[in-house]
C-alpha atoms as a PDB file:
ATOM      1  CA  UNK A   1      11.781   4.226  17.048  1.00  0.00           C
ATOM      2  CA  UNK A   2      15.170   4.058  18.690  1.00  0.00           C
ATOM      3  CA  UNK A   3      17.535   6.429  17.029  1.00  0.00           C
ATOM      4  CA  UNK A   4      21.114   6.984  18.018  1.00  0.00           C
ATOM      5  CA  UNK A   5      24.439   7.472  16.403  1.00  0.00           C
ATOM      6  CA  UNK A   6      25.935   4.551  14.501  1.00  0.00           C
ATOM      7  CA  UNK A   7      29.264   5.032  16.162  1.00  0.00           C
ATOM      8  CA  UNK A   8      29.016   2.161  18.565  1.00  0.00           C
ATOM      9  CA  UNK A   9      28.925   1.724  22.267  1.00  0.00           C
ATOM     10  CA  UNK A  10      28.438   4.351  24.925  1.00  0.00           C
ATOM     11  CA  UNK A  11      27.552   7.286  22.724  1.00  0.00           C
ATOM     12  CA  UNK A  12      30.956   8.018  21.211  1.00  0.00           C
ATOM     13  CA  UNK A  13      30.253  10.532  18.475  1.00  0.00           C
ATOM     14  CA  UNK A  14      31.251  10.207  14.863  1.00  0.00           C
ATOM     15  CA  UNK A  15      30.476  12.633  12.109  1.00  0.00           C
ATOM     16  CA  UNK A  16      28.025  11.649   9.436  1.00  0.00           C
ATOM     17  CA  UNK A  17      29.680  10.904   6.092  1.00  0.00           C
ATOM     18  CA  UNK A  18      26.705  12.415   4.295  1.00  0.00           C
ATOM     19  CA  UNK A  19      23.216  13.718   4.938  1.00  0.00           C
ATOM     20  CA  UNK A  20      20.621  11.605   3.195  1.00  0.00           C
ATOM     21  CA  UNK A  21      16.958  12.094   2.518  1.00  0.00           C
ATOM     22  CA  UNK A  22      14.993   8.997   1.566  1.00  0.00           C
ATOM     23  CA  UNK A  23      11.509   9.696   0.237  1.00  0.00           C
ATOM     24  CA  UNK A  24      10.509   6.251  -1.013  1.00  0.00           C
ATOM     25  CA  UNK A  25      11.237   2.568  -0.679  1.00  0.00           C
ATOM     26  CA  UNK A  26      12.894   2.831  -4.093  1.00  0.00           C
ATOM     27  CA  UNK A  27      15.316   5.424  -2.670  1.00  0.00           C
ATOM     28  CA  UNK A  28      16.147   2.997   0.128  1.00  0.00           C
ATOM     29  CA  UNK A  29      16.682   0.142  -2.334  1.00  0.00           C
ATOM     30  CA  UNK A  30      19.115   2.313  -4.327  1.00  0.00           C
ATOM     31  CA  UNK A  31      21.078   2.965  -1.115  1.00  0.00           C
ATOM     32  CA  UNK A  32      21.158  -0.746  -0.235  1.00  0.00           C
ATOM     33  CA  UNK A  33      22.479  -1.561  -3.729  1.00  0.00           C
ATOM     34  CA  UNK A  34      25.106   1.193  -3.435  1.00  0.00           C
ATOM     35  CA  UNK A  35      26.282  -0.247  -0.090  1.00  0.00           C
ATOM     36  CA  UNK A  36      26.469  -3.753  -1.585  1.00  0.00           C
ATOM     37  CA  UNK A  37      28.387  -2.519  -4.640  1.00  0.00           C
ATOM     38  CA  UNK A  38      30.843  -0.502  -2.561  1.00  0.00           C
ATOM     39  CA  UNK A  39      31.350  -3.488  -0.253  1.00  0.00           C
ATOM     40  CA  UNK A  40      32.114  -5.799  -3.203  1.00  0.00           C
ATOM     41  CA  UNK A  41      34.468  -3.187  -4.694  1.00  0.00           C
ATOM     42  CA  UNK A  42      36.269  -2.711  -1.373  1.00  0.00           C
ATOM     43  CA  UNK A  43      35.486   1.009  -1.328  1.00  0.00           C
ATOM     44  CA  UNK A  44      32.845   1.050   1.421  1.00  0.00           C
ATOM     45  CA  UNK A  45      33.839   3.229   4.371  1.00  0.00           C
ATOM     46  CA  UNK A  46      32.129   4.038   7.643  1.00  0.00           C
ATOM     47  CA  UNK A  47      32.323   7.299   9.547  1.00  0.00           C
ATOM     48  CA  UNK A  48      31.177   5.667  12.769  1.00  0.00           C
ATOM     49  CA  UNK A  49      32.087   2.482  14.592  1.00  0.00           C
ATOM     50  CA  UNK A  50      29.261   0.278  13.294  1.00  0.00           C
ATOM     51  CA  UNK A  51      29.873  -1.915  10.288  1.00  0.00           C
ATOM     52  CA  UNK A  52      27.619  -1.639   7.265  1.00  0.00           C
ATOM     53  CA  UNK A  53      26.156  -5.079   8.043  1.00  0.00           C
ATOM     54  CA  UNK A  54      25.279  -4.019  11.567  1.00  0.00           C
ATOM     55  CA  UNK A  55      23.591  -0.845  10.279  1.00  0.00           C
ATOM     56  CA  UNK A  56      21.527  -2.750   7.704  1.00  0.00           C
ATOM     57  CA  UNK A  57      20.552  -5.385  10.274  1.00  0.00           C
ATOM     58  CA  UNK A  58      19.607  -2.707  12.814  1.00  0.00           C
ATOM     59  CA  UNK A  59      17.260  -1.067  10.328  1.00  0.00           C
ATOM     60  CA  UNK A  60      15.678  -4.442   9.549  1.00  0.00           C
ATOM     61  CA  UNK A  61      15.256  -5.232  13.252  1.00  0.00           C
ATOM     62  CA  UNK A  62      13.341  -2.010  13.909  1.00  0.00           C
ATOM     63  CA  UNK A  63      10.988  -2.656  11.009  1.00  0.00           C
ATOM     64  CA  UNK A  64      10.424  -6.187  12.287  1.00  0.00           C
ATOM     65  CA  UNK A  65       9.737  -4.857  15.807  1.00  0.00           C
ATOM     66  CA  UNK A  66       6.813  -2.988  14.226  1.00  0.00           C
ATOM     67  CA  UNK A  67       5.200  -6.396  13.674  1.00  0.00           C
ATOM     68  CA  UNK A  68       6.721  -8.693  16.288  1.00  0.00           C
ATOM     69  CA  UNK A  69       6.756  -6.362  19.273  1.00  0.00           C
ATOM     70  CA  UNK A  70       9.418  -4.118  20.715  1.00  0.00           C
ATOM     71  CA  UNK A  71      12.155  -5.181  23.136  1.00  0.00           C
ATOM     72  CA  UNK A  72      11.202  -2.397  25.555  1.00  0.00           C
ATOM     73  CA  UNK A  73       8.124  -0.783  27.008  1.00  0.00           C
ATOM     74  CA  UNK A  74       8.430   2.963  27.545  1.00  0.00           C
ATOM     75  CA  UNK A  75       6.980   4.374  30.769  1.00  0.00           C
ATOM     76  CA  UNK A  76       3.571   6.050  30.615  1.00  0.00           C
ATOM     77  CA  UNK A  77       4.992   9.585  30.644  1.00  0.00           C
ATOM     78  CA  UNK A  78       7.210   8.870  27.602  1.00  0.00           C
ATOM     79  CA  UNK A  79       4.170   7.550  25.745  1.00  0.00           C
ATOM     80  CA  UNK A  80       2.125  10.616  26.749  1.00  0.00           C
ATOM     81  CA  UNK A  81       4.836  13.012  25.589  1.00  0.00           C
ATOM     82  CA  UNK A  82       5.401  10.969  22.429  1.00  0.00           C
ATOM     83  CA  UNK A  83       1.766  11.137  21.440  1.00  0.00           C
ATOM     84  CA  UNK A  84       1.783  14.915  21.912  1.00  0.00           C
ATOM     85  CA  UNK A  85       4.992  15.262  19.881  1.00  0.00           C
ATOM     86  CA  UNK A  86       3.912  12.859  17.122  1.00  0.00           C
ATOM     87  CA  UNK A  87       2.720  15.568  14.662  1.00  0.00           C
ATOM     88  CA  UNK A  88       6.013  17.454  15.007  1.00  0.00           C
ATOM     89  CA  UNK A  89       8.092  14.269  14.705  1.00  0.00           C
ATOM     90  CA  UNK A  90       6.255  13.233  11.555  1.00  0.00           C
ATOM     91  CA  UNK A  91       7.100  16.574   9.917  1.00  0.00           C
ATOM     92  CA  UNK A  92      10.846  16.325  10.591  1.00  0.00           C
ATOM     93  CA  UNK A  93      12.984  16.025   7.486  1.00  0.00           C
ATOM     94  CA  UNK A  94      15.500  13.751   9.245  1.00  0.00           C
ATOM     95  CA  UNK A  95      16.221  12.126  12.560  1.00  0.00           C
ATOM     96  CA  UNK A  96      18.971  13.503  14.717  1.00  0.00           C
ATOM     97  CA  UNK A  97      21.766  11.269  15.988  1.00  0.00           C
ATOM     98  CA  UNK A  98      22.505  10.759  19.644  1.00  0.00           C
ATOM     99  CA  UNK A  99      19.229   9.453  21.109  1.00  0.00           C
ATOM    100  CA  UNK A 100      19.742   6.504  23.443  1.00  0.00           C
ATOM    101  CA  UNK A 101      17.120   4.163  24.860  1.00  0.00           C
ATOM    102  CA  UNK A 102      17.380   4.064  28.632  1.00  0.00           C
ATOM    103  CA  UNK A 103      18.229   0.568  29.814  1.00  0.00           C
ATOM    104  CA  UNK A 104      19.255  -0.791  26.400  1.00  0.00           C
ATOM    105  CA  UNK A 105      22.687  -2.418  26.667  1.00  0.00           C
ATOM    106  CA  UNK A 106      24.188  -0.426  23.781  1.00  0.00           C
ATOM    107  CA  UNK A 107      21.714   2.445  23.822  1.00  0.00           C
ATOM    108  CA  UNK A 108      19.449   0.640  21.375  1.00  0.00           C
ATOM    109  CA  UNK A 109      18.447  -2.815  20.200  1.00  0.00           C
ATOM    110  CA  UNK A 110      19.038  -4.819  17.044  1.00  0.00           C
ATOM    111  CA  UNK A 111      22.794  -4.322  16.957  1.00  0.00           C
ATOM    112  CA  UNK A 112      24.038  -7.784  16.065  1.00  0.00           C
ATOM    113  CA  UNK A 113      27.090  -7.924  13.845  1.00  0.00           C
ATOM    114  CA  UNK A 114      26.515  -9.424  10.394  1.00  0.00           C
ATOM    115  CA  UNK A 115      27.814  -9.283   6.843  1.00  0.00           C
ATOM    116  CA  UNK A 116      26.623  -6.691   4.341  1.00  0.00           C
ATOM    117  CA  UNK A 117      24.916  -9.479   2.388  1.00  0.00           C
ATOM    118  CA  UNK A 118      23.039 -10.769   5.432  1.00  0.00           C
ATOM    119  CA  UNK A 119      22.059  -7.270   6.575  1.00  0.00           C
ATOM    120  CA  UNK A 120      20.889  -6.264   3.093  1.00  0.00           C
ATOM    121  CA  UNK A 121      18.809  -9.430   2.791  1.00  0.00           C
ATOM    122  CA  UNK A 122      17.210  -8.902   6.189  1.00  0.00           C
ATOM    123  CA  UNK A 123      16.433  -5.283   5.393  1.00  0.00           C
ATOM    124  CA  UNK A 124      14.852  -6.132   2.037  1.00  0.00           C
ATOM    125  CA  UNK A 125      12.671  -8.807   3.659  1.00  0.00           C
ATOM    126  CA  UNK A 126      11.627  -6.393   6.417  1.00  0.00           C
ATOM    127  CA  UNK A 127      10.738  -3.674   3.895  1.00  0.00           C
ATOM    128  CA  UNK A 128       8.624  -6.108   1.884  1.00  0.00           C
ATOM    129  CA  UNK A 129       6.882  -7.159   5.084  1.00  0.00           C
ATOM    130  CA  UNK A 130       6.091  -3.532   5.885  1.00  0.00           C
ATOM    131  CA  UNK A 131       4.921  -2.784   2.350  1.00  0.00           C
ATOM    132  CA  UNK A 132       2.569  -5.803   2.410  1.00  0.00           C
ATOM    133  CA  UNK A 133       1.327  -5.747   5.997  1.00  0.00           C
ATOM    134  CA  UNK A 134      -0.083  -3.579   8.729  1.00  0.00           C
ATOM    135  CA  UNK A 135       2.196  -3.118  11.756  1.00  0.00           C
ATOM    136  CA  UNK A 136       0.942  -2.906  15.307  1.00  0.00           C
ATOM    137  CA  UNK A 137       1.091   0.269  17.389  1.00  0.00           C
ATOM    138  CA  UNK A 138       4.343   2.100  17.954  1.00  0.00           C
ATOM    139  CA  UNK A 139       5.376   1.977  21.647  1.00  0.00           C
ATOM    140  CA  UNK A 140       5.793   5.759  21.824  1.00  0.00           C
ATOM    141  CA  UNK A 141       3.451   7.230  19.203  1.00  0.00           C
ATOM    142  CA  UNK A 142       0.635   4.665  19.260  1.00  0.00           C
ATOM    143  CA  UNK A 143      -1.202   3.843  16.025  1.00  0.00           C
ATOM    144  CA  UNK A 144       0.487   5.088  12.862  1.00  0.00           C
ATOM    145  CA  UNK A 145      -0.779   5.232   9.316  1.00  0.00           C
ATOM    146  CA  UNK A 146       1.078   3.359   6.581  1.00  0.00           C
ATOM    147  CA  UNK A 147       2.526   6.695   5.425  1.00  0.00           C
ATOM    148  CA  UNK A 148       3.717   7.538   8.956  1.00  0.00           C
ATOM    149  CA  UNK A 149       5.373   4.130   9.308  1.00  0.00           C
ATOM    150  CA  UNK A 150       7.090   4.616   5.958  1.00  0.00           C
ATOM    151  CA  UNK A 151       8.309   8.114   6.847  1.00  0.00           C
ATOM    152  CA  UNK A 152       9.621   7.009  10.229  1.00  0.00           C
ATOM    153  CA  UNK A 153      11.506   3.990   8.893  1.00  0.00           C
ATOM    154  CA  UNK A 154      12.908   5.907   5.913  1.00  0.00           C
ATOM    155  CA  UNK A 155      14.118   8.711   8.203  1.00  0.00           C
ATOM    156  CA  UNK A 156      15.706   6.111  10.488  1.00  0.00           C
ATOM    157  CA  UNK A 157      17.405   4.507   7.485  1.00  0.00           C
ATOM    158  CA  UNK A 158      18.651   7.873   6.184  1.00  0.00           C
ATOM    159  CA  UNK A 159      20.238   8.636   9.558  1.00  0.00           C
ATOM    160  CA  UNK A 160      22.137   5.372   9.816  1.00  0.00           C
ATOM    161  CA  UNK A 161      23.057   5.004   6.149  1.00  0.00           C
ATOM    162  CA  UNK A 162      24.500   8.508   6.371  1.00  0.00           C
ATOM    163  CA  UNK A 163      27.355   6.973   8.387  1.00  0.00           C
ATOM    164  CA  UNK A 164      28.415   5.002   5.306  1.00  0.00           C
ATOM    165  CA  UNK A 165      30.434   6.373   2.425  1.00  0.00           C
ATOM    166  CA  UNK A 166      29.508   4.478  -0.718  1.00  0.00           C
END
């Protein structure tokens, strides 16, 4: 999973608006609805440089990569280290901002600009796909259980949605 700060290009840091913990798909759906409502009300704010639509679309893209393949292939030593660190990573309460994928143009992938409505729709479709299907292997951690996939994607979502004030 590519995690990084939602502040935009070249690793400029922004402070999280809030620290989130998402424990279920229902928690994520509540956050998506809160983002949509705040957007419609004109009260949505971001603490980073990414728009809410870009954040929602980014989360959807990474879920879809779980099925469609990833836009990068980590070197063997990253995979070896990742597989050793997998148990520790799966126990983490939340992802930390700042990780950048070497060689990715903006430090990560799936960063197309889009509206809140488009991003929310993409994310909901991706979540339903994950709930109904069985993803392929993760490029760093290898095979993951359904629970591990859920935890990883929810932690990723909590990180990025924490840059939005709803």
